[in-house]
């Protein structure tokens, strides 16, 4: 990768993509009896990704269980979708800035 910052941003974006997939799955299973909400422990997974591991889903803790054994909160998942989108856009903008800095350095080196 270009530099350590860009590499960290790439790993962070990978985690956000995985979280988006999990949240979408949680919402899709909101009415599935016995389904347990899954999420990602960002701090742990970010450190694990540095060693090349794939993100792992964990069962989200502290959620209220419904009578059918399902604990998906559509409100929580909707909030996570919005939060995830904001994080993704911010990280993508930072990565774009890193790429533009490299592009500028390359152009100035040709002069």
Protein backbone atom coordinates (compact mmCIF):
# COMPACT_ATOMS: atom_id res chain seq x y z
CA UNK A 1 0.00 0.00 0.00
CA UNK A 2 0.97 3.64 -0.32
CA UNK A 3 1.77 4.40 3.30
CA UNK A 4 0.80 3.31 6.83
CA UNK A 5 -2.12 5.76 7.03
CA UNK A 6 -3.62 4.56 3.76
CA UNK A 7 -3.13 0.97 4.86
CA UNK A 8 -4.96 1.63 8.14
CA UNK A 9 -7.78 3.36 6.28
CA UNK A 10 -8.09 0.40 3.93
CA UNK A 11 -8.43 -1.99 6.89
CA UNK A 12 -10.97 0.31 8.52
CA UNK A 13 -13.02 0.40 5.31
CA UNK A 14 -12.92 -3.41 5.19
CA UNK A 15 -14.38 -3.52 8.70
CA UNK A 16 -17.09 -1.06 7.78
CA UNK A 17 -18.04 -3.15 4.74
CA UNK A 18 -18.28 -6.24 6.95
CA UNK A 19 -20.39 -4.36 9.51
CA UNK A 20 -22.72 -3.17 6.74
CA UNK A 21 -23.20 -6.78 5.66
CA UNK A 22 -23.94 -7.87 9.25
CA UNK A 23 -26.39 -5.05 9.91
CA UNK A 24 -28.24 -5.82 6.67
CA UNK A 25 -28.40 -9.47 7.72
CA UNK A 26 -29.70 -8.48 11.16
CA UNK A 27 -32.47 -6.40 9.61
CA UNK A 28 -33.36 -9.18 7.17
CA UNK A 29 -33.72 -11.56 10.12
CA UNK A 30 -35.67 -9.20 12.39
CA UNK A 31 -38.66 -11.57 12.30
CA UNK A 32 -36.74 -14.86 12.38
CA UNK A 33 -37.45 -16.71 15.63
CA UNK A 34 -34.31 -17.35 17.67
CA UNK A 35 -32.07 -15.12 15.54
CA UNK A 36 -29.37 -13.32 17.54
CA UNK A 37 -28.05 -9.92 16.48
CA UNK A 38 -24.45 -10.01 15.25
CA UNK A 39 -21.90 -7.20 15.14
CA UNK A 40 -18.15 -6.55 15.10
CA UNK A 41 -15.85 -5.61 17.97
CA UNK A 42 -14.06 -2.82 16.08
CA UNK A 43 -11.04 -2.45 18.36
CA UNK A 44 -10.27 -6.16 18.49
CA UNK A 45 -10.92 -6.72 14.80
CA UNK A 46 -8.87 -3.71 13.69
CA UNK A 47 -5.87 -5.15 15.54
CA UNK A 48 -6.55 -8.61 14.08
CA UNK A 49 -6.74 -7.24 10.54
CA UNK A 50 -3.24 -5.87 10.95
CA UNK A 51 -2.12 -9.52 11.05
CA UNK A 52 -4.15 -10.43 7.97
CA UNK A 53 -7.14 -12.07 9.68
CA UNK A 54 -10.69 -11.76 8.36
CA UNK A 55 -13.23 -9.90 10.55
CA UNK A 56 -15.26 -12.12 12.87
CA UNK A 57 -18.86 -11.53 13.83
CA UNK A 58 -19.85 -11.70 17.49
CA UNK A 59 -23.24 -11.81 19.14
CA UNK A 60 -24.26 -8.31 20.21
CA UNK A 61 -24.67 -8.08 23.99
CA UNK A 62 -27.23 -6.27 26.13
CA UNK A 63 -30.15 -6.41 23.70
CA UNK A 64 -33.69 -7.11 24.81
CA UNK A 65 -34.93 -10.57 23.91
CA UNK A 66 -38.39 -10.90 22.37
CA UNK A 67 -40.75 -13.77 23.19
CA UNK A 68 -39.60 -15.71 20.11
CA UNK A 69 -35.93 -15.58 21.16
CA UNK A 70 -35.03 -12.91 18.57
CA UNK A 71 -33.16 -9.85 19.85
CA UNK A 72 -32.93 -7.69 16.70
CA UNK A 73 -33.83 -4.05 17.29
CA UNK A 74 -34.64 -2.46 13.93
CA UNK A 75 -34.15 0.98 15.51
CA UNK A 76 -30.63 0.04 16.65
CA UNK A 77 -29.78 -1.48 13.30
CA UNK A 78 -31.07 1.59 11.43
CA UNK A 79 -28.90 3.81 13.63
CA UNK A 80 -25.90 1.57 12.92
CA UNK A 81 -26.56 1.80 9.17
CA UNK A 82 -26.50 5.60 9.35
CA UNK A 83 -23.43 5.64 11.61
CA UNK A 84 -21.64 3.17 9.36
CA UNK A 85 -22.38 5.28 6.27
CA UNK A 86 -20.94 8.39 7.97
CA UNK A 87 -17.81 6.51 9.03
CA UNK A 88 -17.38 5.02 5.56
CA UNK A 89 -17.73 8.41 3.85
CA UNK A 90 -15.23 10.01 6.23
CA UNK A 91 -12.68 7.21 5.79
CA UNK A 92 -13.13 7.21 2.01
CA UNK A 93 -12.57 10.98 1.93
CA UNK A 94 -9.38 10.59 3.99
CA UNK A 95 -8.14 7.83 1.70
CA UNK A 96 -8.94 9.98 -1.34
CA UNK A 97 -6.84 12.75 0.22
CA UNK A 98 -3.95 10.32 0.66
CA UNK A 99 -4.19 9.27 -2.99
CA UNK A 100 -4.30 12.88 -4.15
CA UNK A 101 -1.18 13.66 -2.11
CA UNK A 102 0.64 10.78 -3.82
CA UNK A 103 -0.61 11.91 -7.24
CA UNK A 104 0.61 15.46 -6.54
CA UNK A 105 4.02 14.18 -5.44
CA UNK A 106 4.32 12.12 -8.64
CA UNK A 107 3.40 15.10 -10.84
CA UNK A 108 5.85 17.39 -9.05
CA UNK A 109 8.57 14.79 -9.44
CA UNK A 110 8.22 14.88 -13.24
CA UNK A 111 8.90 18.61 -13.48
